[in-house]
Amino acid sequence: MMTNQQPLTVFLHIGLHKTGTTSFQQWLHEWRPVLADAGYEVYQSPDGNKSHFDLARSVLREGVIPIEDQGAIKARTRADIARWLDDATSPNIIFTSESLSMLRTFDECQALLDIFPPTVDNFVILLVLRDKKDWFESYKNQMIKSGRKPDADPRSWNTMNFDSWIADFEALIKSYNAVFDDVRTIDYDPDDTIANLMHEIAPELEIDTRFRRMNKSISRPEKYRGLRKFTRRIIGDERRGLVRHVLRLTGRL
């Protein structure tokens, strides 16, 4: 628990999807001890998920993703964050959830702010942007790669329609600016995204930001869908299967 009167700052990385978010989240996880020693703690969800998805599930408007009992999720998330911040020993806390880039309204952003206790003095919103058409192509390929089919509901994050809200970054930025005082946009650079994010979070910190690219989209995802389903089922990833088991055994999860 913090015993001094240093202001408490929350750095909230909100995506976009397909801008190096998975790599950044894994990098944060692996460098947590070093960052904590430097005064930057990385929030860890009770479920261990490196992407703090419950933040988005607590506040997203109806129809974007399936959410059951959103009120309970929000209450639990608020309590989890309050406990974490009560125990924090650093003046800076890092949260990351690319699904927060799906917010498009003032009410959603205000609800996000209300999840955090009044002990937070400052918020810094970090949004990585890339060319809309390039981003949409990557996002669409990721959805196909994951086996998701386009949703006819125009509210859905699976809409696959470039002219829909999904690519309306202006509304996204406007909504966050209406609630938070410090909203920073960062140009996507596949070779330097982590370095660019850390420059905004801790410019004084000298740390190795080189890291492998993860969760890359491929140009023809439908061609490899069957193979990917088989691989996910047998091998798994950090959330399931053999990979998760090995990571737990080696203490990396």
Protein backbone atom coordinates (compact mmCIF):
# COMPACT_ATOMS: atom_id res chain seq x y z
CA MET A 1 0.00 0.00 0.00
CA MET A 2 1.24 3.49 -0.85
CA THR A 3 2.14 5.38 2.29
CA ASN A 4 3.15 8.68 0.71
CA GLN A 5 1.02 11.36 -0.88
CA GLN A 6 2.23 10.90 -4.45
CA PRO A 7 -0.50 11.38 -7.06
CA LEU A 8 -1.83 8.09 -8.41
CA THR A 9 -1.81 7.88 -12.21
CA VAL A 10 -3.58 5.24 -14.29
CA PHE A 11 -2.25 4.58 -17.79
CA LEU A 12 -5.05 3.00 -19.78
CA HIS A 13 -3.98 1.41 -23.08
CA ILE A 14 -7.13 0.91 -25.18
CA GLY A 15 -5.85 -0.57 -28.46
CA LEU A 16 -6.75 -0.52 -31.31
CA HIS A 17 -7.02 -4.20 -32.09
CA LYS A 18 -4.31 -5.24 -34.57
CA THR A 19 -1.80 -2.61 -33.49
CA GLY A 20 0.58 -4.81 -31.53
CA THR A 21 -1.67 -5.14 -28.48
CA THR A 22 -0.99 -8.84 -27.85
CA SER A 23 2.76 -8.30 -28.05
CA PHE A 24 2.54 -5.29 -25.73
CA GLN A 25 0.47 -7.19 -23.19
CA GLN A 26 2.86 -10.15 -23.19
CA TRP A 27 5.83 -7.78 -22.93
CA LEU A 28 4.24 -6.05 -19.93
CA HIS A 29 3.68 -9.42 -18.29
CA GLU A 30 7.29 -10.51 -18.74
CA TRP A 31 8.72 -7.19 -17.58
CA ARG A 32 6.35 -6.70 -14.61
CA PRO A 33 9.06 -7.02 -11.90
CA VAL A 34 11.36 -4.51 -13.62
CA LEU A 35 8.53 -2.07 -14.23
CA ALA A 36 7.34 -2.36 -10.61
CA ASP A 37 10.83 -1.58 -9.32
CA ALA A 38 10.77 1.55 -11.49
CA GLY A 39 7.40 2.67 -10.08
CA TYR A 40 5.04 1.25 -12.73
CA GLU A 41 2.78 -1.61 -11.68
CA VAL A 42 0.87 -3.64 -14.26
CA TYR A 43 -2.64 -4.49 -13.15
CA GLN A 44 -3.35 -8.20 -13.11
CA SER A 45 -6.91 -9.47 -13.43
CA PRO A 46 -7.98 -12.15 -10.95
CA ASP A 47 -8.39 -14.55 -13.89
CA GLY A 48 -4.80 -13.89 -15.01
CA ASN A 49 -5.84 -12.56 -18.42
CA LYS A 50 -3.19 -10.17 -19.75
CA SER A 51 -5.88 -8.23 -21.58
CA HIS A 52 -8.16 -6.67 -18.98
CA PHE A 53 -11.30 -7.64 -20.87
CA ASP A 54 -13.70 -7.17 -17.95
CA LEU A 55 -13.14 -3.43 -18.15
CA ALA A 56 -14.78 -3.43 -21.58
CA ARG A 57 -17.44 -5.96 -20.64
CA SER A 58 -18.43 -3.71 -17.76
CA VAL A 59 -19.26 -0.69 -19.91
CA LEU A 60 -19.89 -1.66 -23.55
CA ARG A 61 -23.26 -0.70 -24.97
CA GLU A 62 -25.78 -3.38 -25.90
CA GLY A 63 -25.23 -5.38 -29.06
CA VAL A 64 -21.47 -5.03 -29.51
CA ILE A 65 -20.52 -8.34 -27.86
CA PRO A 66 -22.60 -10.89 -25.95
CA ILE A 67 -22.61 -9.90 -22.27
CA GLU A 68 -24.57 -11.65 -19.55
CA ASP A 69 -25.31 -9.85 -16.27
CA GLN A 70 -23.25 -6.77 -17.06
CA GLY A 71 -24.16 -5.21 -13.73
CA ALA A 72 -22.51 -8.06 -11.82
CA ILE A 73 -19.43 -7.90 -14.02
CA LYS A 74 -19.10 -4.18 -13.41
CA ALA A 75 -19.53 -4.52 -9.64
CA ARG A 76 -16.93 -7.28 -9.49
CA THR A 77 -14.47 -5.39 -11.69
CA ARG A 78 -14.86 -2.22 -9.62
CA ALA A 79 -14.19 -4.16 -6.42
CA ASP A 80 -11.17 -5.98 -7.93
CA ILE A 81 -9.61 -2.71 -9.08
CA ALA A 82 -10.27 -0.98 -5.76
CA ARG A 83 -8.51 -3.81 -3.90
CA TRP A 84 -5.58 -3.74 -6.30
CA LEU A 85 -5.14 0.01 -5.99
CA ASP A 86 -5.39 -0.18 -2.20
CA ASP A 87 -2.46 -2.59 -2.21
CA ALA A 88 -0.44 -0.72 -4.84
CA THR A 89 3.03 0.42 -3.83
CA SER A 90 3.72 2.42 -7.01
CA PRO A 91 2.31 5.78 -8.10
CA ASN A 92 1.67 4.54 -11.65
CA ILE A 93 -0.63 1.67 -12.67
CA ILE A 94 -0.89 0.28 -16.22
CA PHE A 95 -4.10 -1.24 -17.59
CA THR A 96 -4.52 -2.63 -21.10
CA SER A 97 -7.60 -3.75 -23.01
CA GLU A 98 -7.93 -3.35 -26.76
CA SER A 99 -11.67 -4.00 -26.46
CA LEU A 100 -11.98 -0.55 -24.89
CA SER A 101 -11.40 0.81 -28.39
CA MET A 102 -14.97 -0.31 -29.19
CA LEU A 103 -16.46 2.42 -27.00
CA ARG A 104 -18.19 5.09 -29.05
CA THR A 105 -20.35 7.10 -26.64
CA PHE A 106 -19.97 9.54 -23.78
CA ASP A 107 -22.01 7.27 -21.49
CA GLU A 108 -19.67 4.32 -22.03
CA CYS A 109 -16.58 6.40 -21.29
CA GLN A 110 -18.21 7.94 -18.22
CA ALA A 111 -19.08 4.44 -17.01
CA LEU A 112 -15.46 3.43 -17.52
CA LEU A 113 -14.28 6.37 -15.42
CA ASP A 114 -16.77 5.45 -12.69
CA ILE A 115 -15.25 1.97 -12.34
CA PHE A 116 -12.13 3.49 -10.80
CA PRO A 117 -12.09 4.82 -7.23
CA PRO A 118 -11.70 8.56 -6.54
CA THR A 119 -8.16 7.91 -5.25
CA VAL A 120 -6.95 7.99 -8.88
CA ASP A 121 -5.64 11.49 -9.53
CA ASN A 122 -4.76 11.26 -13.21
CA PHE A 123 -5.73 9.19 -16.23
CA VAL A 124 -3.67 8.87 -19.39
CA ILE A 125 -5.49 7.20 -22.29
CA LEU A 126 -3.21 5.60 -24.89
CA LEU A 127 -4.66 4.81 -28.32
CA VAL A 128 -2.55 3.37 -31.15
CA LEU A 129 -3.96 4.24 -34.59
CA ARG A 130 -3.13 2.95 -38.05
CA ASP A 131 -4.41 3.67 -41.54
CA LYS A 132 -8.13 2.87 -41.53
CA LYS A 133 -8.18 0.68 -44.62
CA ASP A 134 -5.07 -1.24 -43.62
CA TRP A 135 -6.45 -1.66 -40.12
CA PHE A 136 -9.86 -2.86 -41.33
CA GLU A 137 -8.28 -5.44 -43.65
CA SER A 138 -6.16 -6.76 -40.78
CA TYR A 139 -9.11 -6.75 -38.39
CA LYS A 140 -11.35 -8.57 -40.88
CA ASN A 141 -8.67 -11.20 -41.55
CA GLN A 142 -8.26 -11.72 -37.81
CA MET A 143 -11.98 -12.36 -37.44
CA ILE A 144 -11.92 -14.88 -40.28
CA LYS A 145 -8.80 -16.52 -38.88
CA SER A 146 -10.58 -16.91 -35.55
CA GLY A 147 -13.51 -18.65 -37.22
CA ARG A 148 -15.99 -15.81 -36.71
CA LYS A 149 -18.62 -15.16 -39.34
CA PRO A 150 -19.92 -11.67 -40.22
CA ASP A 151 -22.82 -10.60 -38.04
CA ALA A 152 -25.88 -9.11 -39.69
CA ASP A 153 -26.47 -6.95 -36.61
CA PRO A 154 -24.93 -3.54 -37.43
CA ARG A 155 -24.20 -3.00 -33.71
CA SER A 156 -21.91 -6.04 -33.53
CA TRP A 157 -18.11 -5.93 -33.46
CA ASN A 158 -18.39 -8.69 -36.10
CA THR A 159 -20.16 -6.44 -38.56
CA MET A 160 -17.27 -6.56 -41.13
CA ASN A 161 -18.59 -3.36 -42.68
CA PHE A 162 -15.98 -0.67 -43.29
CA ASP A 163 -18.63 2.07 -43.38
CA SER A 164 -20.01 1.10 -39.96
CA TRP A 165 -19.08 2.37 -36.51
CA ILE A 166 -16.20 -0.12 -36.29
CA ALA A 167 -13.89 2.13 -38.34
CA ASP A 168 -15.20 5.42 -36.94
CA PHE A 169 -12.08 6.38 -35.02
CA GLU A 170 -13.21 9.99 -34.83
CA ALA A 171 -16.20 9.05 -32.67
CA LEU A 172 -13.93 6.92 -30.51
CA ILE A 173 -11.51 9.77 -29.85
CA LYS A 174 -14.30 12.31 -29.36
CA SER A 175 -16.00 10.14 -26.72
CA TYR A 176 -12.81 9.65 -24.70
CA ASN A 177 -11.90 13.33 -24.96
CA ALA A 178 -15.33 14.23 -23.55
CA VAL A 179 -14.56 12.37 -20.31
CA PHE A 180 -10.78 12.13 -19.89
CA ASP A 181 -8.40 15.08 -19.87
CA ASP A 182 -5.34 13.34 -21.32
CA VAL A 183 -6.01 11.26 -24.44
CA ARG A 184 -2.93 10.46 -26.52
CA THR A 185 -2.89 8.95 -30.00
CA ILE A 186 0.17 7.09 -31.22
CA ASP A 187 0.93 6.18 -34.82
CA TYR A 188 1.20 2.44 -35.37
CA ASP A 189 4.70 1.22 -36.13
CA PRO A 190 5.01 -2.60 -36.32
CA ASP A 191 8.71 -2.36 -35.51
CA ASP A 192 8.45 0.07 -32.60
CA THR A 193 4.96 0.04 -31.08
CA ILE A 194 6.10 -1.05 -27.62
CA ALA A 195 8.85 1.56 -27.57
CA ASN A 196 6.39 4.26 -28.62
CA LEU A 197 3.90 3.26 -25.93
CA MET A 198 6.55 3.13 -23.22
CA HIS A 199 7.83 6.54 -24.29
CA GLU A 200 4.39 7.91 -23.37
CA ILE A 201 4.21 5.94 -20.11
CA ALA A 202 7.78 6.17 -18.80
CA PRO A 203 10.02 8.31 -21.01
CA GLU A 204 12.74 8.28 -18.35
CA LEU A 205 12.94 4.49 -18.27
CA GLU A 206 15.70 2.73 -20.24
CA ILE A 207 14.36 -0.73 -21.01
CA ASP A 208 14.57 -3.26 -23.82
CA THR A 209 11.35 -3.00 -25.82
CA ARG A 210 12.37 -5.43 -28.56
CA PHE A 211 9.84 -8.23 -28.69
CA ARG A 212 8.40 -10.84 -31.03
CA ARG A 213 5.29 -9.95 -32.96
CA MET A 214 2.31 -12.00 -31.83
CA ASN A 215 -1.18 -12.74 -33.19
CA LYS A 216 -0.28 -11.61 -36.71
CA SER A 217 -3.00 -11.64 -39.36
CA ILE A 218 -2.46 -13.51 -42.61
CA SER A 219 -3.63 -12.41 -46.06
CA ARG A 220 -5.82 -15.47 -46.79
CA PRO A 221 -7.03 -16.72 -43.41
CA GLU A 222 -9.83 -18.87 -44.84
CA LYS A 223 -7.23 -21.09 -46.53
CA TYR A 224 -5.76 -22.19 -43.19
CA ARG A 225 -8.89 -22.25 -41.03
CA GLY A 226 -9.08 -26.04 -40.70
CA LEU A 227 -5.42 -26.37 -39.76
CA ARG A 228 -5.71 -23.57 -37.22
CA LYS A 229 -8.74 -25.18 -35.56
CA PHE A 230 -6.85 -28.45 -35.23
CA THR A 231 -3.77 -26.70 -33.85
CA ARG A 232 -5.76 -24.69 -31.30
CA ARG A 233 -7.59 -27.80 -30.12
CA ILE A 234 -4.48 -29.94 -29.65
CA ILE A 235 -1.72 -27.48 -28.76
CA GLY A 236 -3.71 -24.59 -27.34
CA ASP A 237 -2.32 -21.20 -26.38
CA GLU A 238 -1.66 -19.19 -23.21
CA ARG A 239 -5.32 -19.58 -22.20
CA ARG A 240 -5.81 -23.31 -22.81
CA GLY A 241 -4.27 -26.65 -23.68
CA LEU A 242 -0.67 -27.81 -23.63
CA VAL A 243 0.79 -24.32 -24.00
CA ARG A 244 -0.99 -23.05 -20.89
CA HIS A 245 0.09 -26.14 -18.95
CA VAL A 246 3.75 -25.63 -19.89
CA LEU A 247 3.62 -21.92 -19.06
CA ARG A 248 2.21 -22.70 -15.62
CA LEU A 249 4.85 -25.34 -14.96
CA THR A 250 7.64 -22.93 -15.90
CA GLY A 251 6.18 -20.06 -13.88
CA ARG A 252 5.62 -17.85 -16.92
CA LEU A 253 1.86 -17.58 -16.45
